[in-house]
Amino acid sequence: MLAIGLMSGTSRDGIDAALIETDGEGQVAPVAFHSQPYKDGFRVRLAEACTRAMAMERPGEEPLIASVEEELTGLHVEAVADLLGRSGHLAEDIAVIGFHGHTVAHRPAHGWTWQIGDSAALAGAFGIPVVGDLRSADVAAGGQGAPLLPVYHRALADGLKKPAAILNLGGVANITAIGADGALVAFDTGMASGLIDNWMQAHGVATFDESGAMAARGTVDESALAQMLADPWFAQPPPKSIDREAFTTMAVAGLSVEDGAATLTAFSAAAVARGIAHLAEPPVCIHVAGGGRHNATLMAMIGERSGIAVRSVDALGWDGDALEAQGFAYMAVRRLRDLPISFPGTTGAPAPMTGGVIFRA
């Protein structure tokens, strides 16, 4: 069936919308993709909504968050309309929309995760069933609620040499390891572009470090790096996940823009290496998706610190920008077919979980 997937990730840079044809199992055919960037003003409001959500004991009423949610939903409606127009398909051609929303706070240790976005309104806008609230059931059962992409990674990676690893570099980094026997292990490794983006924006240089050029001109402060890596979270065995707001740039305060960017980039790379050390089978190659794969300095540092070949998933014929959105389309189809989207090895759930709530038009 034809399915649309929507993703607003921890990079807070915009909405990815993907259209695929899939059976929710081994058959996947990309059809169309559209990326809609956020305007600067909305990006600032979204970041503030995340800050306020993380300060709350539980999800609840908060005027700014409610306002941002309404605006976010409208932007997703625009993204779907644009994707349909670009693909030449009508709404009635689409079986389901997988709507991730935007994570404003992720606190599985406290028993909750919070994604904003009005699934019912999105379903009503197009007359298409929407699968939303994809993480809550997993967290309620004792899982981490993240990462969720491994089930899609496994479908794509059927022909890859095993053991293999697929690394997603968004604001936060997560890795999917597929063993020689096909077993899945997945977890967040730490930050990817989140802190680097924060650093660049705080210094008024740019919204991100394009191609890692700023980091390439700097020198890694090994003392600051060691301080950041001393966080006990890195020693925890998987499965585990983390919120983008869990780390700050405080350790590099006072460094030059270049040295700070270099150190924060090394922090993301070293965290990936630490994560791989938790795997029973080191992968033969790390295949990288997400916006962070465009950061040449980060990609090189991951290879240096892990000692493993690092390649963009585009070399496999996959679209590294579309992968997450495609994954949520795939998961929506699995939800319609009552197939699991998370597993003990990927989120720590006690059993395979069929997550997501279906919102009918």
Protein backbone atom coordinates (compact mmCIF):
# COMPACT_ATOMS: atom_id res chain seq x y z
CA MET A 1 0.00 0.00 0.00
CA LEU A 2 1.04 3.64 -0.39
CA ALA A 3 1.99 5.32 2.89
CA ILE A 4 3.31 8.75 3.90
CA GLY A 5 5.78 9.19 6.74
CA LEU A 6 6.48 12.47 8.53
CA MET A 7 9.46 13.33 10.70
CA SER A 8 10.38 16.46 12.67
CA GLY A 9 13.64 15.47 14.29
CA THR A 10 15.90 16.64 17.09
CA SER A 11 17.83 18.87 14.68
CA ARG A 12 14.74 21.14 14.63
CA ASP A 13 15.52 22.16 11.08
CA GLY A 14 12.26 21.21 9.38
CA ILE A 15 9.84 18.47 8.34
CA ASP A 16 10.75 15.48 6.19
CA ALA A 17 7.86 13.93 4.28
CA ALA A 18 8.26 10.66 2.38
CA LEU A 19 5.93 8.55 0.26
CA ILE A 20 6.68 4.83 -0.08
CA GLU A 21 4.96 1.71 -1.28
CA THR A 22 5.33 -1.18 1.16
CA ASP A 23 3.75 -4.27 2.66
CA GLY A 24 5.24 -3.43 6.08
CA GLU A 25 7.63 -6.37 5.79
CA GLY A 26 10.26 -7.04 3.14
CA GLN A 27 8.85 -4.98 0.25
CA VAL A 28 9.79 -1.28 0.24
CA ALA A 29 9.80 1.07 -2.77
CA PRO A 30 10.46 4.82 -2.30
CA VAL A 31 8.10 6.97 -4.39
CA ALA A 32 8.67 10.63 -3.43
CA PHE A 33 10.35 12.82 -0.80
CA HIS A 34 10.01 16.45 0.27
CA SER A 35 11.86 18.42 2.93
CA GLN A 36 10.24 21.59 4.28
CA PRO A 37 12.57 23.80 6.36
CA TYR A 38 11.35 25.68 9.43
CA LYS A 39 11.60 29.45 9.50
CA ASP A 40 13.95 30.89 12.11
CA GLY A 41 11.15 32.27 14.29
CA PHE A 42 9.38 28.92 14.55
CA ARG A 43 12.66 27.14 15.23
CA VAL A 44 13.24 29.43 18.23
CA ARG A 45 9.69 28.86 19.55
CA LEU A 46 10.07 25.10 19.11
CA ALA A 47 13.35 25.10 21.07
CA GLU A 48 11.67 27.07 23.88
CA ALA A 49 8.77 24.59 23.92
CA CYS A 50 11.30 21.77 24.39
CA THR A 51 12.99 23.63 27.25
CA ARG A 52 9.68 24.17 29.02
CA ALA A 53 8.57 20.55 28.50
CA MET A 54 11.80 19.21 30.01
CA ALA A 55 11.22 21.35 33.11
CA MET A 56 7.80 19.75 33.72
CA GLU A 57 7.20 16.77 35.97
CA ARG A 58 4.70 15.30 33.51
CA PRO A 59 3.17 16.32 30.17
CA GLY A 60 0.40 18.82 30.77
CA GLU A 61 -1.13 22.14 29.77
CA GLU A 62 1.34 24.88 28.86
CA PRO A 63 0.27 27.82 26.64
CA LEU A 64 3.45 28.14 24.56
CA ILE A 65 3.65 24.38 23.93
CA ALA A 66 -0.03 24.32 22.91
CA SER A 67 0.54 27.21 20.50
CA VAL A 68 3.64 25.56 19.00
CA GLU A 69 1.74 22.28 18.63
CA GLU A 70 -1.02 23.98 16.65
CA GLU A 71 1.52 25.69 14.39
CA LEU A 72 3.51 22.46 14.00
CA THR A 73 0.39 20.55 12.93
CA GLY A 74 -0.41 23.20 10.31
CA LEU A 75 3.11 22.95 8.93
CA HIS A 76 2.74 19.16 8.65
CA VAL A 77 -0.52 19.63 6.74
CA GLU A 78 1.38 21.88 4.31
CA ALA A 79 4.15 19.28 3.98
CA VAL A 80 1.69 16.49 3.13
CA ALA A 81 -0.11 18.69 0.59
CA ASP A 82 3.20 19.58 -1.03
CA LEU A 83 4.32 15.94 -1.13
CA LEU A 84 1.06 14.86 -2.76
CA GLY A 85 1.40 17.61 -5.35
CA ARG A 86 5.00 16.68 -6.14
CA SER A 87 4.20 12.96 -6.40
CA GLY A 88 1.10 13.35 -8.58
CA HIS A 89 -0.99 11.32 -6.13
CA LEU A 90 -4.35 12.20 -4.58
CA ALA A 91 -5.22 11.82 -0.92
CA GLU A 92 -7.50 8.87 -1.71
CA ASP A 93 -4.50 6.96 -3.08
CA ILE A 94 -2.82 6.95 0.34
CA ALA A 95 -3.65 4.18 2.82
CA VAL A 96 -2.10 5.74 5.93
CA ILE A 97 0.10 8.53 7.30
CA GLY A 98 2.75 7.81 9.94
CA PHE A 99 2.98 10.99 12.05
CA HIS A 100 5.84 11.17 14.51
CA GLY A 101 5.21 14.74 15.64
CA HIS A 102 8.03 16.51 17.47
CA THR A 103 9.60 15.24 20.68
CA VAL A 104 9.60 18.09 23.19
CA ALA A 105 10.77 15.89 26.07
CA HIS A 106 11.91 12.29 26.31
CA ARG A 107 12.12 10.94 29.87
CA PRO A 108 11.64 7.16 29.83
CA ALA A 109 13.32 6.85 33.24
CA HIS A 110 10.33 8.79 34.60
CA GLY A 111 7.86 6.72 32.59
CA TRP A 112 6.97 9.21 29.85
CA THR A 113 7.85 10.63 26.48
CA TRP A 114 6.11 13.60 24.84
CA GLN A 115 5.60 14.17 21.13
CA ILE A 116 3.47 17.16 20.12
CA GLY A 117 1.29 17.26 16.99
CA ASP A 118 -2.46 16.79 16.49
CA SER A 119 -2.93 13.45 14.71
CA ALA A 120 -6.71 13.79 14.61
CA ALA A 121 -6.49 17.18 12.89
CA LEU A 122 -4.03 15.79 10.34
CA ALA A 123 -6.35 12.86 9.61
CA GLY A 124 -9.27 15.25 9.19
CA ALA A 125 -7.34 17.52 6.82
CA PHE A 126 -6.91 14.78 4.20
CA GLY A 127 -9.40 12.06 5.04
CA ILE A 128 -6.50 9.65 5.51
CA PRO A 129 -6.03 7.47 8.64
CA VAL A 130 -3.07 8.63 10.73
CA VAL A 131 -0.91 6.50 13.00
CA GLY A 132 0.48 8.75 15.73
CA ASP A 133 1.72 8.51 19.32
CA LEU A 134 4.25 5.87 18.27
CA ARG A 135 6.43 5.81 21.38
CA SER A 136 4.13 5.95 24.42
CA ALA A 137 3.04 2.30 24.51
CA ASP A 138 6.65 1.13 24.51
CA VAL A 139 7.58 3.47 27.38
CA ALA A 140 4.47 2.49 29.35
CA ALA A 141 5.56 -1.16 29.05
CA GLY A 142 8.99 -0.33 30.46
CA GLY A 143 10.88 0.28 27.21
CA GLN A 144 12.89 3.32 26.16
CA GLY A 145 10.49 4.25 23.36
CA ALA A 146 13.55 4.78 21.12
CA PRO A 147 15.05 4.16 18.70
CA LEU A 148 12.18 3.02 16.49
CA LEU A 149 13.89 2.96 13.09
CA PRO A 150 15.65 -0.43 13.52
CA VAL A 151 12.70 -2.40 12.16
CA TYR A 152 12.92 -0.35 8.95
CA HIS A 153 16.72 -0.56 8.86
CA ARG A 154 16.44 -4.35 9.00
CA ALA A 155 14.07 -4.39 6.02
CA LEU A 156 16.44 -2.24 3.95
CA ALA A 157 19.60 -4.06 5.01
CA ASP A 158 18.53 -7.56 4.01
CA GLY A 159 21.32 -7.87 1.44
CA LEU A 160 24.12 -6.24 3.44
CA LYS A 161 27.12 -8.16 4.71
CA LYS A 162 26.63 -8.90 8.43
CA PRO A 163 27.32 -7.92 11.10
CA ALA A 164 26.31 -4.44 9.92
CA ALA A 165 25.51 -1.15 11.58
CA ILE A 166 23.30 1.72 10.47
CA LEU A 167 24.00 4.98 12.26
CA ASN A 168 21.52 7.85 12.17
CA LEU A 169 23.03 11.27 12.79
CA GLY A 170 20.33 13.81 13.59
CA GLY A 171 20.35 16.07 16.63
CA VAL A 172 20.90 12.86 18.62
CA ALA A 173 22.71 9.79 17.24
CA ASN A 174 21.30 6.27 17.31
CA ILE A 175 22.67 3.04 15.95
CA THR A 176 21.09 -0.18 14.70
CA ALA A 177 23.33 -3.26 14.82
CA ILE A 178 22.25 -6.28 12.79
CA GLY A 179 24.07 -9.45 13.78
CA ALA A 180 25.21 -12.28 11.55
CA ASP A 181 22.04 -14.14 12.61
CA GLY A 182 19.80 -11.10 11.90
CA ALA A 183 19.35 -10.22 15.57
CA LEU A 184 18.70 -6.53 16.29
CA VAL A 185 20.40 -4.39 18.92
CA ALA A 186 19.77 -0.63 18.87
CA PHE A 187 20.27 2.38 21.13
CA ASP A 188 21.13 6.06 21.23
CA THR A 189 24.88 6.67 21.33
CA GLY A 190 24.67 10.31 22.45
CA MET A 191 24.71 13.62 20.63
CA ALA A 192 25.15 13.99 16.87
CA SER A 193 24.61 17.52 15.53
CA GLY A 194 22.57 18.92 18.42
CA LEU A 195 25.35 20.49 20.48
CA ILE A 196 27.33 21.55 17.40
CA ASP A 197 24.26 23.40 16.11
CA ASN A 198 23.70 25.02 19.52
CA TRP A 199 27.33 26.18 19.59
CA MET A 200 27.20 27.69 16.12
CA GLN A 201 23.92 29.47 16.80
CA ALA A 202 25.06 30.79 20.19
CA HIS A 203 28.04 32.44 18.49
CA GLY A 204 25.90 33.91 15.71
CA VAL A 205 28.02 32.19 13.07
CA ALA A 206 25.44 29.97 11.33
CA THR A 207 22.64 27.57 12.20
CA PHE A 208 24.99 24.58 11.71
CA ASP A 209 28.60 23.74 10.85
CA GLU A 210 28.33 23.15 7.11
CA SER A 211 30.47 20.18 6.05
CA GLY A 212 32.23 20.43 9.43
CA ALA A 213 34.36 23.28 8.06
CA MET A 214 34.51 25.17 11.38
CA ALA A 215 35.49 22.05 13.31
CA ALA A 216 38.15 21.25 10.70
CA ARG A 217 39.86 24.56 11.49
CA GLY A 218 39.89 23.92 15.24
CA THR A 219 41.77 21.74 17.70
CA VAL A 220 40.08 19.26 20.01
CA ASP A 221 40.40 20.15 23.70
CA GLU A 222 41.07 16.67 25.07
CA SER A 223 40.49 17.77 28.67
CA ALA A 224 37.03 19.14 27.90
CA LEU A 225 36.27 16.06 25.82
CA ALA A 226 37.26 13.74 28.68
CA GLN A 227 35.05 15.73 31.05
CA MET A 228 32.04 15.28 28.78
CA LEU A 229 32.70 11.57 28.19
CA ALA A 230 32.92 10.98 31.96
CA ASP A 231 29.14 11.17 32.16
CA PRO A 232 28.00 7.78 33.59
CA TRP A 233 25.35 7.46 30.87
CA PHE A 234 28.01 6.30 28.40
CA ALA A 235 28.91 3.32 30.58
CA GLN A 236 25.31 2.11 30.74
CA PRO A 237 24.71 -0.96 28.58
CA PRO A 238 22.01 -0.79 25.90
CA PRO A 239 19.16 -0.52 25.32
CA LYS A 240 19.18 3.16 26.24
CA SER A 241 18.00 6.49 24.86
CA ILE A 242 18.61 10.13 25.66
CA ASP A 243 17.00 13.52 25.22
CA ARG A 244 18.69 16.23 23.16
CA GLU A 245 18.71 18.48 26.25
CA ALA A 246 20.67 15.95 28.35
CA PHE A 247 24.05 17.54 27.47
CA THR A 248 25.17 21.16 27.18
CA THR A 249 28.09 23.09 25.73
CA MET A 250 29.24 24.20 29.19
CA ALA A 251 32.46 22.14 29.08
CA VAL A 252 33.68 24.06 26.02
CA ALA A 253 32.67 27.52 27.19
CA GLY A 254 35.61 29.88 26.75
CA LEU A 255 37.09 28.03 23.77
CA SER A 256 37.31 29.68 20.37
CA VAL A 257 34.46 29.01 17.97
CA GLU A 258 36.71 26.68 15.97
CA ASP A 259 38.06 24.73 18.95
CA GLY A 260 34.61 24.44 20.50
CA ALA A 261 33.19 23.08 17.25
CA ALA A 262 36.08 20.62 16.95
CA THR A 263 35.65 19.40 20.53
CA LEU A 264 31.87 19.00 20.25
CA THR A 265 32.29 17.13 16.97
CA ALA A 266 34.84 14.83 18.62
CA PHE A 267 32.36 14.32 21.48
CA SER A 268 29.72 13.02 19.05
CA ALA A 269 32.27 10.79 17.29
CA ALA A 270 33.75 9.39 20.50
CA ALA A 271 30.25 8.62 21.78
CA VAL A 272 29.61 6.50 18.67
CA ALA A 273 32.87 4.61 19.33
CA ARG A 274 31.83 4.08 22.96
CA GLY A 275 28.49 2.75 21.78
CA ILE A 276 30.06 0.29 19.35
CA ALA A 277 32.18 -1.04 22.20
CA HIS A 278 28.93 -2.31 23.76
CA LEU A 279 28.25 -4.58 20.77
CA ALA A 280 29.12 -8.26 20.93
CA GLU A 281 29.95 -8.23 17.20
CA PRO A 282 31.73 -5.16 15.80
CA PRO A 283 30.24 -4.24 12.41
CA VAL A 284 32.29 -4.56 9.24
CA CYS A 285 31.06 -1.11 8.17
CA ILE A 286 29.09 1.77 9.65
CA HIS A 287 26.47 2.96 7.15
CA VAL A 288 25.43 6.52 8.03
CA ALA A 289 22.09 8.26 7.45
CA GLY A 290 20.71 11.63 8.55
CA GLY A 291 21.91 15.18 8.10
CA GLY A 292 25.12 14.54 10.04
CA ARG A 293 26.49 12.43 7.21
CA HIS A 294 27.07 15.68 5.29
CA ASN A 295 29.54 16.74 8.01
CA ALA A 296 32.83 15.47 6.57
CA THR A 297 34.75 16.23 9.79
CA LEU A 298 32.30 14.25 11.92
CA MET A 299 32.35 11.31 9.50
CA ALA A 300 36.16 11.25 9.51
CA MET A 301 36.32 11.46 13.32
CA ILE A 302 33.87 8.55 13.68
CA GLY A 303 36.10 6.42 11.47
CA GLU A 304 39.24 7.43 13.36
CA ARG A 305 37.82 6.85 16.84
CA SER A 306 35.97 3.60 16.03
CA GLY A 307 38.56 2.06 13.70
CA ILE A 308 35.73 0.97 11.38
CA ALA A 309 34.96 2.00 7.80
CA VAL A 310 32.30 4.74 7.66
CA ARG A 311 30.16 5.28 4.56
CA SER A 312 27.03 7.22 3.67
CA VAL A 313 23.95 5.08 3.07
CA ASP A 314 23.61 6.89 -0.26
CA ALA A 315 26.37 4.56 -1.52
CA LEU A 316 23.85 1.72 -1.04
CA GLY A 317 21.27 3.51 -3.17
CA TRP A 318 19.29 4.67 -0.13
CA ASP A 319 18.26 8.29 0.40
CA GLY A 320 19.99 9.26 3.65
CA ASP A 321 17.83 12.37 4.05
CA ALA A 322 14.53 10.50 3.60
CA LEU A 323 15.24 7.42 5.70
CA GLU A 324 13.56 8.48 8.96
CA ALA A 325 10.40 9.74 7.28
CA GLN A 326 10.25 6.57 5.19
CA GLY A 327 10.62 4.56 8.38
CA PHE A 328 7.55 6.11 9.97
CA ALA A 329 5.51 5.38 6.84
CA TYR A 330 6.70 1.77 7.08
CA MET A 331 5.81 1.58 10.78
CA ALA A 332 2.33 2.99 10.10
CA VAL A 333 1.68 0.13 7.68
CA ARG A 334 2.94 -2.34 10.25
CA ARG A 335 0.52 -0.83 12.79
CA LEU A 336 -2.39 -1.35 10.37
CA ARG A 337 -1.28 -4.97 10.04
CA ASP A 338 -0.74 -5.42 13.82
CA LEU A 339 2.98 -6.11 13.36
CA PRO A 340 5.50 -5.03 16.02
CA ILE A 341 7.64 -1.91 15.64
CA SER A 342 9.84 -2.22 18.75
CA PHE A 343 11.61 -5.18 20.34
CA PRO A 344 13.48 -6.13 23.53
CA GLY A 345 16.82 -5.64 21.74
CA THR A 346 15.94 -2.20 20.37
CA THR A 347 14.07 -0.40 23.15
CA GLY A 348 14.23 -2.79 26.09
CA ALA A 349 10.50 -3.49 25.89
CA PRO A 350 9.58 -6.78 27.59
CA ALA A 351 8.22 -8.22 24.32
CA PRO A 352 7.77 -7.13 20.69
CA MET A 353 5.40 -4.15 20.78
CA THR A 354 2.83 -2.98 18.23
CA GLY A 355 3.03 0.75 18.94
CA GLY A 356 1.04 3.67 17.64
CA VAL A 357 -2.55 4.86 17.87
CA ILE A 358 -4.78 4.91 14.79
CA PHE A 359 -6.70 8.15 14.25
CA ARG A 360 -9.51 7.74 11.72
CA ALA A 361 -10.55 10.66 9.53
